[in-house]
N, C-alpha and C. Protein backbone atom coordinates (compact mmCIF):
# COMPACT_ATOMS: atom_id res chain seq x y z
N MET A 1 12.05 -8.87 -1.36
CA MET A 1 12.10 -8.51 0.04
C MET A 1 11.50 -7.11 0.19
N PRO A 2 10.53 -6.94 1.07
CA PRO A 2 9.91 -5.62 1.21
C PRO A 2 10.89 -4.57 1.73
N MET A 3 10.87 -3.42 1.06
CA MET A 3 11.68 -2.27 1.47
C MET A 3 10.80 -1.05 1.46
N ARG A 4 11.13 -0.13 2.34
CA ARG A 4 10.36 1.11 2.43
C ARG A 4 11.20 2.18 3.08
N GLU A 5 10.72 3.41 2.99
CA GLU A 5 11.38 4.51 3.67
C GLU A 5 11.36 4.24 5.17
N ALA A 6 12.45 4.51 5.82
CA ALA A 6 12.52 4.34 7.27
C ALA A 6 11.77 5.47 7.96
N THR A 7 11.24 5.16 9.11
CA THR A 7 10.59 6.16 9.95
C THR A 7 11.26 6.14 11.32
N ALA A 8 10.95 7.13 12.12
CA ALA A 8 11.49 7.18 13.48
C ALA A 8 11.15 5.91 14.26
N ALA A 9 10.02 5.30 13.95
CA ALA A 9 9.61 4.08 14.65
C ALA A 9 10.51 2.89 14.33
N ASP A 10 11.32 2.98 13.27
CA ASP A 10 12.24 1.89 12.92
C ASP A 10 13.53 1.91 13.74
N TRP A 11 13.85 3.04 14.34
CA TRP A 11 15.12 3.16 15.05
C TRP A 11 15.32 2.07 16.11
N PRO A 12 14.32 1.79 16.95
CA PRO A 12 14.54 0.72 17.95
C PRO A 12 14.87 -0.63 17.33
N GLY A 13 14.41 -0.91 16.12
CA GLY A 13 14.70 -2.18 15.47
C GLY A 13 16.06 -2.25 14.83
N LEU A 14 16.60 -1.10 14.43
CA LEU A 14 17.92 -1.12 13.79
C LEU A 14 19.04 -0.67 14.71
N ARG A 15 18.71 0.00 15.79
CA ARG A 15 19.73 0.49 16.72
C ARG A 15 20.61 -0.64 17.29
N PRO A 16 20.04 -1.80 17.69
CA PRO A 16 20.92 -2.83 18.26
C PRO A 16 22.00 -3.31 17.28
N PHE A 17 21.65 -3.55 16.01
CA PHE A 17 22.70 -4.02 15.10
C PHE A 17 23.59 -2.87 14.66
N PHE A 18 23.08 -1.63 14.62
CA PHE A 18 23.93 -0.47 14.35
C PHE A 18 24.99 -0.37 15.45
N ARG A 19 24.56 -0.48 16.71
CA ARG A 19 25.47 -0.41 17.85
C ARG A 19 26.52 -1.52 17.79
N ASP A 20 26.07 -2.75 17.51
CA ASP A 20 27.00 -3.89 17.48
C ASP A 20 28.01 -3.77 16.33
N ILE A 21 27.57 -3.33 15.17
CA ILE A 21 28.46 -3.19 14.02
C ILE A 21 29.48 -2.09 14.28
N CYS A 22 29.05 -0.97 14.85
CA CYS A 22 29.99 0.10 15.21
C CYS A 22 31.00 -0.40 16.24
N ALA A 23 30.52 -1.07 17.27
CA ALA A 23 31.40 -1.53 18.35
C ALA A 23 32.43 -2.55 17.85
N ALA A 24 32.07 -3.35 16.87
CA ALA A 24 33.01 -4.33 16.32
C ALA A 24 34.17 -3.62 15.61
N GLY A 25 33.90 -2.46 15.04
CA GLY A 25 34.96 -1.67 14.41
C GLY A 25 35.59 -2.28 13.18
N GLU A 26 34.91 -3.22 12.54
CA GLU A 26 35.51 -3.94 11.42
C GLU A 26 35.15 -3.41 10.04
N THR A 27 34.10 -2.59 9.93
CA THR A 27 33.66 -2.19 8.59
C THR A 27 33.44 -0.70 8.40
N PHE A 28 32.94 0.00 9.38
CA PHE A 28 32.60 1.41 9.22
C PHE A 28 33.60 2.31 9.93
N THR A 29 33.72 3.53 9.45
CA THR A 29 34.62 4.50 10.06
C THR A 29 33.92 5.30 11.15
N TYR A 30 32.79 4.84 11.59
CA TYR A 30 32.06 5.51 12.66
C TYR A 30 32.76 5.31 14.00
N PRO A 31 32.45 6.18 14.97
CA PRO A 31 32.98 5.95 16.33
C PRO A 31 32.53 4.58 16.83
N LEU A 32 33.37 3.94 17.64
CA LEU A 32 33.05 2.60 18.13
C LEU A 32 31.86 2.59 19.09
N HIS A 33 31.72 3.64 19.87
CA HIS A 33 30.66 3.66 20.87
C HIS A 33 29.93 5.01 20.86
N PRO A 34 29.21 5.31 19.77
CA PRO A 34 28.49 6.59 19.75
C PRO A 34 27.36 6.58 20.78
N THR A 35 27.06 7.76 21.28
CA THR A 35 25.89 7.86 22.17
C THR A 35 24.64 7.60 21.35
N GLU A 36 23.55 7.39 22.02
CA GLU A 36 22.26 7.19 21.34
C GLU A 36 21.98 8.35 20.37
N GLU A 37 22.17 9.57 20.85
CA GLU A 37 21.90 10.75 20.03
C GLU A 37 22.85 10.84 18.84
N GLU A 38 24.14 10.54 19.05
CA GLU A 38 25.11 10.57 17.94
C GLU A 38 24.78 9.51 16.90
N ALA A 39 24.45 8.31 17.36
CA ALA A 39 24.15 7.22 16.43
C ALA A 39 22.94 7.56 15.58
N ARG A 40 21.90 8.02 16.21
CA ARG A 40 20.67 8.36 15.48
C ARG A 40 20.93 9.49 14.49
N ALA A 41 21.68 10.49 14.88
CA ALA A 41 21.97 11.62 13.99
C ALA A 41 22.84 11.19 12.81
N MET A 42 23.74 10.22 13.02
CA MET A 42 24.59 9.73 11.92
C MET A 42 23.76 8.97 10.89
N TRP A 43 22.86 8.11 11.35
CA TRP A 43 22.15 7.24 10.43
C TRP A 43 20.81 7.78 9.99
N MET A 44 20.10 8.44 10.89
CA MET A 44 18.77 8.97 10.57
C MET A 44 18.72 10.45 10.93
N PRO A 45 19.46 11.26 10.15
CA PRO A 45 19.54 12.69 10.49
C PRO A 45 18.16 13.34 10.42
N PRO A 46 17.91 14.28 11.31
CA PRO A 46 16.60 14.94 11.31
C PRO A 46 16.44 15.84 10.09
N ALA A 47 15.19 16.07 9.71
CA ALA A 47 14.88 16.98 8.60
C ALA A 47 15.45 18.35 8.95
N PRO A 48 15.89 19.09 7.99
CA PRO A 48 15.78 18.88 6.55
C PRO A 48 17.02 18.24 5.93
N ALA A 49 17.73 17.40 6.66
CA ALA A 49 18.93 16.75 6.12
C ALA A 49 18.59 16.03 4.81
N PRO A 50 19.41 16.23 3.79
CA PRO A 50 19.14 15.60 2.49
C PRO A 50 19.62 14.15 2.45
N ALA A 51 18.90 13.29 3.15
CA ALA A 51 19.28 11.87 3.17
C ALA A 51 18.04 11.01 3.03
N HIS A 52 18.20 9.88 2.40
CA HIS A 52 17.15 8.86 2.32
C HIS A 52 17.61 7.69 3.16
N VAL A 53 16.74 7.20 4.00
CA VAL A 53 17.05 6.01 4.78
C VAL A 53 15.93 5.02 4.50
N VAL A 54 16.31 3.81 4.11
CA VAL A 54 15.34 2.77 3.85
C VAL A 54 15.64 1.58 4.74
N VAL A 55 14.63 0.75 4.93
CA VAL A 55 14.81 -0.49 5.68
C VAL A 55 14.27 -1.65 4.84
N ALA A 56 14.91 -2.80 5.01
CA ALA A 56 14.39 -4.05 4.48
C ALA A 56 13.83 -4.80 5.67
N GLU A 57 12.62 -5.28 5.51
CA GLU A 57 12.01 -5.95 6.65
C GLU A 57 11.28 -7.21 6.21
N GLU A 58 11.07 -8.05 7.19
CA GLU A 58 10.35 -9.29 6.97
C GLU A 58 9.54 -9.57 8.22
N ALA A 59 8.26 -9.72 8.06
CA ALA A 59 7.35 -9.99 9.18
C ALA A 59 7.53 -8.97 10.31
N GLY A 60 7.72 -7.69 9.93
CA GLY A 60 7.85 -6.63 10.91
C GLY A 60 9.21 -6.50 11.55
N THR A 61 10.18 -7.32 11.15
CA THR A 61 11.53 -7.27 11.69
C THR A 61 12.44 -6.56 10.71
N VAL A 62 13.18 -5.55 11.19
CA VAL A 62 14.14 -4.85 10.34
C VAL A 62 15.36 -5.75 10.16
N LEU A 63 15.63 -6.13 8.90
CA LEU A 63 16.77 -6.99 8.59
C LEU A 63 18.01 -6.20 8.23
N GLY A 64 17.79 -5.03 7.64
CA GLY A 64 18.90 -4.20 7.21
C GLY A 64 18.41 -2.81 6.86
N THR A 65 19.36 -1.94 6.60
CA THR A 65 19.04 -0.55 6.31
C THR A 65 20.09 0.05 5.38
N ALA A 66 19.68 1.02 4.61
CA ALA A 66 20.59 1.76 3.74
C ALA A 66 20.35 3.25 3.96
N HIS A 67 21.43 4.00 3.87
CA HIS A 67 21.40 5.44 4.11
C HIS A 67 22.06 6.08 2.89
N MET A 68 21.30 6.85 2.09
CA MET A 68 21.84 7.47 0.89
C MET A 68 21.74 8.99 0.99
N TYR A 69 22.75 9.67 0.46
CA TYR A 69 22.80 11.12 0.56
C TYR A 69 23.69 11.66 -0.55
N ALA A 70 23.59 12.97 -0.79
CA ALA A 70 24.49 13.61 -1.74
C ALA A 70 25.89 13.60 -1.16
N ASN A 71 26.86 13.21 -1.98
CA ASN A 71 28.24 13.13 -1.49
C ASN A 71 28.74 14.50 -1.04
N ARG A 72 28.42 15.53 -1.76
CA ARG A 72 28.78 16.90 -1.43
C ARG A 72 27.64 17.80 -1.86
N ALA A 73 27.67 19.02 -1.42
CA ALA A 73 26.66 20.00 -1.83
C ALA A 73 27.12 20.69 -3.12
N GLY A 74 26.27 21.53 -3.65
CA GLY A 74 26.62 22.35 -4.81
C GLY A 74 27.02 21.54 -6.02
N ASN A 75 28.18 21.83 -6.56
CA ASN A 75 28.62 21.18 -7.79
C ASN A 75 28.98 19.71 -7.62
N GLY A 76 28.95 19.21 -6.41
CA GLY A 76 29.19 17.79 -6.18
C GLY A 76 27.93 17.02 -5.84
N ALA A 77 26.78 17.68 -5.86
CA ALA A 77 25.53 17.05 -5.43
C ALA A 77 25.03 15.99 -6.40
N HIS A 78 25.59 15.91 -7.60
CA HIS A 78 25.15 14.89 -8.55
C HIS A 78 25.79 13.53 -8.27
N VAL A 79 26.64 13.45 -7.27
CA VAL A 79 27.26 12.18 -6.88
C VAL A 79 26.60 11.72 -5.58
N ALA A 80 26.02 10.53 -5.63
CA ALA A 80 25.34 9.98 -4.47
C ALA A 80 26.28 9.05 -3.72
N SER A 81 26.12 9.00 -2.42
CA SER A 81 26.86 8.05 -1.57
C SER A 81 25.85 7.29 -0.73
N ALA A 82 26.21 6.09 -0.34
CA ALA A 82 25.31 5.32 0.50
C ALA A 82 26.10 4.38 1.38
N SER A 83 25.49 4.02 2.48
CA SER A 83 26.04 3.03 3.40
C SER A 83 24.94 2.02 3.68
N TYR A 84 25.34 0.79 3.94
CA TYR A 84 24.40 -0.29 4.20
C TYR A 84 24.81 -1.03 5.45
N MET A 85 23.81 -1.45 6.20
CA MET A 85 24.05 -2.31 7.34
C MET A 85 22.98 -3.40 7.31
N VAL A 86 23.42 -4.62 7.49
CA VAL A 86 22.50 -5.75 7.61
C VAL A 86 22.74 -6.36 8.98
N ASP A 87 21.67 -6.62 9.69
CA ASP A 87 21.77 -7.25 11.00
C ASP A 87 22.53 -8.57 10.83
N PRO A 88 23.64 -8.76 11.57
CA PRO A 88 24.40 -10.01 11.43
C PRO A 88 23.54 -11.26 11.64
N ALA A 89 22.49 -11.16 12.43
CA ALA A 89 21.62 -12.31 12.65
C ALA A 89 20.81 -12.65 11.40
N HIS A 90 20.78 -11.74 10.43
CA HIS A 90 19.98 -11.96 9.22
C HIS A 90 20.82 -11.91 7.95
N GLN A 91 22.14 -11.95 8.07
CA GLN A 91 22.99 -11.93 6.88
C GLN A 91 22.81 -13.21 6.07
N GLY A 92 23.03 -13.08 4.76
CA GLY A 92 22.91 -14.23 3.89
C GLY A 92 21.50 -14.50 3.41
N ARG A 93 20.57 -13.60 3.71
CA ARG A 93 19.18 -13.78 3.30
C ARG A 93 18.79 -12.84 2.17
N GLY A 94 19.75 -12.04 1.67
CA GLY A 94 19.47 -11.18 0.52
C GLY A 94 19.13 -9.74 0.85
N ALA A 95 19.18 -9.35 2.12
CA ALA A 95 18.83 -7.97 2.48
C ALA A 95 19.81 -6.97 1.87
N GLY A 96 21.11 -7.25 1.94
CA GLY A 96 22.10 -6.34 1.37
C GLY A 96 21.92 -6.17 -0.12
N ARG A 97 21.72 -7.26 -0.84
CA ARG A 97 21.51 -7.20 -2.28
C ARG A 97 20.22 -6.44 -2.60
N ALA A 98 19.19 -6.69 -1.82
CA ALA A 98 17.91 -6.02 -2.07
C ALA A 98 18.00 -4.52 -1.79
N LEU A 99 18.73 -4.15 -0.75
CA LEU A 99 18.86 -2.73 -0.42
C LEU A 99 19.71 -1.98 -1.43
N SER A 100 20.73 -2.62 -1.97
CA SER A 100 21.65 -1.91 -2.85
C SER A 100 20.98 -1.31 -4.08
N PRO A 101 20.30 -2.08 -4.91
CA PRO A 101 19.68 -1.45 -6.07
C PRO A 101 18.59 -0.46 -5.69
N THR A 102 17.87 -0.73 -4.60
CA THR A 102 16.82 0.20 -4.19
C THR A 102 17.42 1.54 -3.80
N ALA A 103 18.44 1.52 -2.97
CA ALA A 103 19.03 2.77 -2.50
C ALA A 103 19.73 3.51 -3.62
N TRP A 104 20.50 2.80 -4.45
CA TRP A 104 21.29 3.48 -5.47
C TRP A 104 20.46 3.89 -6.67
N THR A 105 19.94 2.94 -7.39
CA THR A 105 19.37 3.26 -8.69
C THR A 105 18.05 4.00 -8.58
N GLY A 106 17.14 3.53 -7.78
CA GLY A 106 15.85 4.18 -7.71
C GLY A 106 15.92 5.59 -7.17
N ARG A 107 16.41 5.75 -5.97
CA ARG A 107 16.44 7.06 -5.35
C ARG A 107 17.46 7.99 -5.99
N ALA A 108 18.62 7.48 -6.34
CA ALA A 108 19.63 8.33 -6.96
C ALA A 108 19.16 8.85 -8.31
N ARG A 109 18.55 7.99 -9.11
CA ARG A 109 18.07 8.47 -10.41
C ARG A 109 16.95 9.47 -10.25
N ARG A 110 16.04 9.24 -9.30
CA ARG A 110 14.96 10.22 -9.08
C ARG A 110 15.53 11.55 -8.64
N ALA A 111 16.67 11.53 -7.97
CA ALA A 111 17.31 12.77 -7.51
C ALA A 111 18.25 13.33 -8.57
N SER A 112 18.26 12.73 -9.77
CA SER A 112 19.09 13.15 -10.89
C SER A 112 20.58 12.98 -10.62
N ALA A 113 20.93 12.03 -9.80
CA ALA A 113 22.35 11.76 -9.59
C ALA A 113 22.90 11.10 -10.85
N ALA A 114 24.10 11.50 -11.24
CA ALA A 114 24.72 10.96 -12.44
C ALA A 114 25.67 9.82 -12.12
N SER A 115 26.18 9.78 -10.92
CA SER A 115 27.07 8.70 -10.55
C SER A 115 26.97 8.46 -9.06
N SER A 116 27.56 7.38 -8.64
CA SER A 116 27.52 7.07 -7.22
C SER A 116 28.87 6.56 -6.79
N THR A 117 29.14 6.75 -5.54
CA THR A 117 30.39 6.31 -4.94
C THR A 117 30.07 5.77 -3.57
N THR A 118 30.87 4.86 -3.08
CA THR A 118 30.65 4.38 -1.73
C THR A 118 31.49 5.22 -0.79
N PRO A 119 30.99 5.51 0.39
CA PRO A 119 31.79 6.26 1.35
C PRO A 119 32.95 5.41 1.83
N SER A 120 33.87 6.04 2.49
CA SER A 120 35.05 5.32 2.97
C SER A 120 34.70 4.37 4.09
N SER A 121 34.96 3.13 3.86
CA SER A 121 34.89 2.13 4.91
C SER A 121 35.61 0.89 4.40
N ARG A 122 35.91 0.00 5.29
CA ARG A 122 36.59 -1.22 4.88
C ARG A 122 35.57 -2.12 4.21
N ARG A 123 35.86 -2.54 3.02
CA ARG A 123 34.96 -3.41 2.28
C ARG A 123 35.39 -4.86 2.47
N THR A 124 34.50 -5.67 3.01
CA THR A 124 34.79 -7.07 3.24
C THR A 124 34.64 -7.84 1.93
N PRO A 125 35.23 -9.03 1.83
CA PRO A 125 35.07 -9.81 0.59
C PRO A 125 33.61 -10.00 0.16
N PRO A 126 32.66 -10.33 1.07
CA PRO A 126 31.27 -10.45 0.61
C PRO A 126 30.72 -9.13 0.08
N ALA A 127 31.06 -8.02 0.73
CA ALA A 127 30.58 -6.72 0.26
C ALA A 127 31.18 -6.39 -1.10
N LEU A 128 32.47 -6.65 -1.29
CA LEU A 128 33.11 -6.38 -2.57
C LEU A 128 32.49 -7.24 -3.67
N ALA A 129 32.17 -8.48 -3.39
CA ALA A 129 31.53 -9.34 -4.38
C ALA A 129 30.16 -8.78 -4.76
N LEU A 130 29.39 -8.34 -3.76
CA LEU A 130 28.08 -7.75 -4.03
C LEU A 130 28.22 -6.49 -4.87
N TYR A 131 29.12 -5.58 -4.49
CA TYR A 131 29.30 -4.35 -5.25
C TYR A 131 29.73 -4.66 -6.68
N GLY A 132 30.59 -5.66 -6.86
CA GLY A 132 31.00 -6.05 -8.22
C GLY A 132 29.81 -6.54 -9.03
N ASP A 133 28.96 -7.36 -8.41
CA ASP A 133 27.75 -7.84 -9.09
C ASP A 133 26.84 -6.69 -9.50
N LEU A 134 26.87 -5.61 -8.73
CA LEU A 134 25.99 -4.46 -9.00
C LEU A 134 26.63 -3.44 -9.94
N GLY A 135 27.82 -3.74 -10.44
CA GLY A 135 28.44 -2.87 -11.43
C GLY A 135 29.40 -1.83 -10.89
N PHE A 136 29.78 -1.93 -9.63
CA PHE A 136 30.74 -0.98 -9.06
C PHE A 136 32.15 -1.41 -9.39
N GLU A 137 33.02 -0.44 -9.55
CA GLU A 137 34.43 -0.69 -9.80
C GLU A 137 35.25 -0.07 -8.68
N ILE A 138 36.34 -0.72 -8.31
CA ILE A 138 37.27 -0.12 -7.35
C ILE A 138 38.08 0.91 -8.11
N LEU A 139 37.99 2.17 -7.69
CA LEU A 139 38.75 3.24 -8.32
C LEU A 139 40.18 3.27 -7.79
N GLY A 140 40.30 2.97 -6.54
CA GLY A 140 41.61 3.00 -5.91
C GLY A 140 41.50 2.58 -4.47
N THR A 141 42.63 2.46 -3.85
CA THR A 141 42.68 2.04 -2.45
C THR A 141 43.61 2.97 -1.70
N LEU A 142 43.12 3.51 -0.61
CA LEU A 142 43.94 4.34 0.26
C LEU A 142 44.70 3.39 1.20
N PRO A 143 46.01 3.24 1.00
CA PRO A 143 46.76 2.32 1.86
C PRO A 143 46.64 2.74 3.32
N GLU A 144 46.43 1.75 4.17
CA GLU A 144 46.34 1.96 5.62
C GLU A 144 45.28 3.00 5.99
N GLY A 145 44.22 3.08 5.19
CA GLY A 145 43.16 4.07 5.43
C GLY A 145 42.15 3.68 6.49
N PHE A 146 42.22 2.45 6.97
CA PHE A 146 41.28 1.98 7.98
C PHE A 146 42.04 1.21 9.05
N HIS A 147 41.74 1.51 10.31
CA HIS A 147 42.40 0.80 11.41
C HIS A 147 41.47 -0.28 11.92
N HIS A 148 41.72 -1.49 11.45
CA HIS A 148 40.92 -2.65 11.82
C HIS A 148 41.38 -3.15 13.19
N PRO A 149 40.44 -3.55 14.07
CA PRO A 149 40.82 -3.95 15.42
C PRO A 149 41.72 -5.19 15.50
N ARG A 150 41.64 -6.09 14.53
CA ARG A 150 42.49 -7.30 14.55
C ARG A 150 43.59 -7.27 13.49
N LEU A 151 43.31 -6.70 12.34
CA LEU A 151 44.25 -6.74 11.22
C LEU A 151 45.20 -5.54 11.18
N GLY A 152 44.95 -4.57 12.04
CA GLY A 152 45.77 -3.35 12.02
C GLY A 152 45.35 -2.44 10.87
N TYR A 153 46.28 -1.68 10.34
CA TYR A 153 45.96 -0.74 9.27
C TYR A 153 45.81 -1.48 7.95
N VAL A 154 44.66 -1.35 7.33
CA VAL A 154 44.37 -2.01 6.06
C VAL A 154 43.90 -0.97 5.04
N GLY A 155 43.90 -1.36 3.78
CA GLY A 155 43.48 -0.45 2.72
C GLY A 155 42.00 -0.14 2.77
N LEU A 156 41.66 1.03 2.28
CA LEU A 156 40.29 1.53 2.23
C LEU A 156 39.94 1.76 0.76
N HIS A 157 38.97 1.01 0.24
CA HIS A 157 38.62 1.10 -1.17
C HIS A 157 37.64 2.22 -1.45
N SER A 158 37.79 2.84 -2.61
CA SER A 158 36.82 3.79 -3.13
C SER A 158 36.20 3.15 -4.37
N LEU A 159 34.87 3.01 -4.38
CA LEU A 159 34.18 2.36 -5.48
C LEU A 159 33.28 3.35 -6.20
N HIS A 160 32.98 3.07 -7.47
CA HIS A 160 32.17 3.97 -8.29
C HIS A 160 31.30 3.17 -9.24
N ARG A 161 30.15 3.75 -9.56
CA ARG A 161 29.26 3.20 -10.58
C ARG A 161 28.53 4.36 -11.23
N ALA A 162 28.57 4.44 -12.55
CA ALA A 162 27.81 5.46 -13.26
C ALA A 162 26.34 5.07 -13.23
N LEU A 163 25.47 6.03 -12.92
CA LEU A 163 24.03 5.77 -12.92
C LEU A 163 23.40 6.23 -14.22
N SER A 164 23.89 7.33 -14.73
CA SER A 164 23.37 7.84 -16.02
C SER A 164 24.39 8.80 -16.58
N ARG A 165 24.27 9.09 -17.82
CA ARG A 165 25.14 10.06 -18.46
C ARG A 165 24.45 11.41 -18.57
N THR A 166 23.19 11.49 -18.15
CA THR A 166 22.44 12.72 -18.32
C THR A 166 21.97 13.32 -17.01
N GLY A 167 22.61 12.95 -15.92
CA GLY A 167 22.21 13.50 -14.61
C GLY A 167 22.34 15.01 -14.59
N ARG A 168 21.43 15.64 -13.89
CA ARG A 168 21.41 17.10 -13.81
C ARG A 168 22.38 17.56 -12.75
N ALA A 169 23.41 18.28 -13.13
CA ALA A 169 24.41 18.77 -12.18
C ALA A 169 23.74 19.66 -11.14
N GLY A 170 24.17 19.51 -9.92
CA GLY A 170 23.67 20.35 -8.85
C GLY A 170 22.40 19.87 -8.21
N ALA A 171 21.83 18.74 -8.69
CA ALA A 171 20.59 18.24 -8.11
C ALA A 171 20.86 17.69 -6.72
N ALA A 172 20.09 18.12 -5.76
CA ALA A 172 20.27 17.64 -4.39
C ALA A 172 19.59 16.30 -4.22
N VAL A 173 20.14 15.46 -3.41
CA VAL A 173 19.52 14.19 -3.07
C VAL A 173 18.68 14.44 -1.84
N THR A 174 17.38 14.52 -2.06
CA THR A 174 16.46 14.79 -0.94
C THR A 174 15.38 13.74 -0.86
């Protein structure tokens, strides 16, 4: 599946499913109804923000997107974090699986990240299965860490995967 760095021209193609996924409130800890400016700044922060945003596309249609960044600055910059969104209309076609190794291993290793973690959000069974296939482990669960609109307060998983044992500490993900 073709993947590439996202550009500002991709925003109109991913904004509708970003908006719908946020509004559903079932997976991400983002505000349910961010303004256009808030949504764009969360997912596609302006330069010089140290983030990589990629899109998976088919025939010019954005199927999904991944956003990767350093988990923290300074002595925590060797840990990469990423978030993924796949347009619900295109789920089950491999976009999430294709985005995961691209966002994590390729870009994180080039940025000398030594490990990766997923940011806090509710992980659905399909997402957990995918992360397991990709070598992530659940480190722990924050009880009642996510307020799901139908299920109430549910656990929030923290996942981890080592990328290398020789990552350069302090390397920024840019």
